[in-house]
Amino acid sequence: IIHSADFTLYPNYPNPFNPRTIISWQLPVSCKVELSIYNILGQDVAKPVNEEQSAGLHKVEFNASALPSGIYIYSLKTGSVEQSKKMLLLR
């Protein structure tokens, strides 16, 4: 069982961004990871990661070139634990 204190979702960089940003996280153990991007209305607009990952530091480049400017939420789920942060796409 993974607890929220056991893994870290880092702030994306750069933020604000246009159109690419890096999202990174640290895992204490191997587990299934789901990274989802939501718009401010809560609609799922992208799922850059949905796979088993090993323990350690991971990162993904998110390309939002097809999305309009605005506030987006990125959410990392591992089992029963979920962490979310805000990011701002400025064109």
Protein backbone atom coordinates (compact mmCIF):
# COMPACT_ATOMS: atom_id res chain seq x y z
CA ILE A 1 0.00 0.00 0.00
CA ILE A 2 1.36 3.41 -0.97
CA HIS A 3 0.67 6.42 1.25
CA SER A 4 0.60 10.01 0.00
CA ALA A 5 3.69 10.85 2.08
CA ASP A 6 5.63 8.14 0.24
CA PHE A 7 5.63 9.81 -3.18
CA THR A 8 6.04 13.35 -4.48
CA LEU A 9 4.42 15.17 -7.37
CA TYR A 10 6.63 18.16 -8.22
CA PRO A 11 5.48 21.51 -9.65
CA ASN A 12 5.65 21.55 -13.44
CA TYR A 13 8.37 23.63 -15.07
CA PRO A 14 8.08 26.10 -16.62
CA ASN A 15 4.80 27.40 -15.26
CA PRO A 16 3.19 29.32 -16.95
CA PHE A 17 4.13 27.48 -20.14
CA ASN A 18 3.60 27.61 -23.92
CA PRO A 19 3.13 24.98 -25.27
CA ARG A 20 5.44 22.48 -23.44
CA THR A 21 6.11 21.82 -19.77
CA ILE A 22 7.85 19.09 -17.76
CA ILE A 23 5.92 17.19 -15.06
CA SER A 24 7.98 15.06 -12.67
CA TRP A 25 7.36 12.76 -9.70
CA GLN A 26 9.19 10.48 -7.29
CA LEU A 27 8.02 6.92 -6.54
CA PRO A 28 9.18 4.93 -3.47
CA VAL A 29 8.28 1.54 -5.04
CA SER A 30 7.27 0.12 -8.42
CA CYS A 31 3.56 0.67 -9.09
CA LYS A 32 0.97 1.50 -11.72
CA VAL A 33 0.97 5.23 -12.42
CA GLU A 34 -1.75 7.27 -14.10
CA LEU A 35 -1.02 10.92 -14.94
CA SER A 36 -4.08 12.79 -16.17
CA ILE A 37 -4.54 16.38 -17.33
CA TYR A 38 -7.89 18.11 -16.74
CA ASN A 39 -9.22 21.47 -17.85
CA ILE A 40 -10.78 23.84 -15.33
CA LEU A 41 -14.21 22.28 -15.99
CA GLY A 42 -12.88 18.89 -14.86
CA GLN A 43 -12.84 17.35 -18.35
CA ASP A 44 -10.03 14.85 -19.01
CA VAL A 45 -7.97 16.35 -21.88
CA ALA A 46 -4.87 14.10 -21.84
CA LYS A 47 -3.36 11.02 -20.21
CA PRO A 48 0.42 11.24 -20.83
CA VAL A 49 1.23 8.29 -18.53
CA ASN A 50 -0.76 5.11 -17.81
CA GLU A 51 1.68 2.29 -17.03
CA GLU A 52 3.66 0.36 -14.45
CA GLN A 53 6.75 2.32 -13.39
CA SER A 54 9.80 1.49 -11.30
CA ALA A 55 10.79 3.27 -8.07
CA GLY A 56 12.69 6.52 -8.56
CA LEU A 57 12.39 9.87 -10.33
CA HIS A 58 10.23 10.06 -13.45
CA LYS A 59 9.31 12.91 -15.77
CA VAL A 60 7.27 13.52 -18.89
CA GLU A 61 7.10 16.42 -21.31
CA PHE A 62 3.51 17.54 -21.81
CA ASN A 63 2.77 19.26 -25.13
CA ALA A 64 -0.39 21.40 -24.96
CA SER A 65 -0.18 22.81 -28.50
CA ALA A 66 -3.70 21.51 -29.28
CA LEU A 67 -5.25 23.08 -26.14
CA PRO A 68 -6.51 26.64 -25.54
CA SER A 69 -4.94 28.99 -22.99
CA GLY A 70 -6.14 28.49 -19.43
CA ILE A 71 -5.67 26.76 -16.10
CA TYR A 72 -5.16 22.99 -16.16
CA ILE A 73 -4.90 20.45 -13.34
CA TYR A 74 -2.47 17.56 -13.54
CA SER A 75 -3.24 14.61 -11.30
CA LEU A 76 -1.01 11.64 -10.43
CA LYS A 77 -2.71 8.43 -9.22
CA THR A 78 -0.95 5.39 -7.76
CA GLY A 79 -3.42 2.89 -6.35
CA SER A 80 -5.58 4.66 -3.77
CA VAL A 81 -3.37 7.79 -3.58
CA GLU A 82 -3.85 10.86 -5.76
CA GLN A 83 -2.02 14.20 -5.83
CA SER A 84 -2.89 17.19 -8.03
CA LYS A 85 -1.36 20.53 -8.96
CA LYS A 86 -2.33 23.51 -11.15
CA MET A 87 -0.55 24.75 -14.24
CA LEU A 88 -1.18 27.71 -16.54
CA LEU A 89 -1.02 27.58 -20.34
CA LEU A 90 -0.45 31.09 -21.76
CA ARG A 91 -0.35 31.71 -25.49
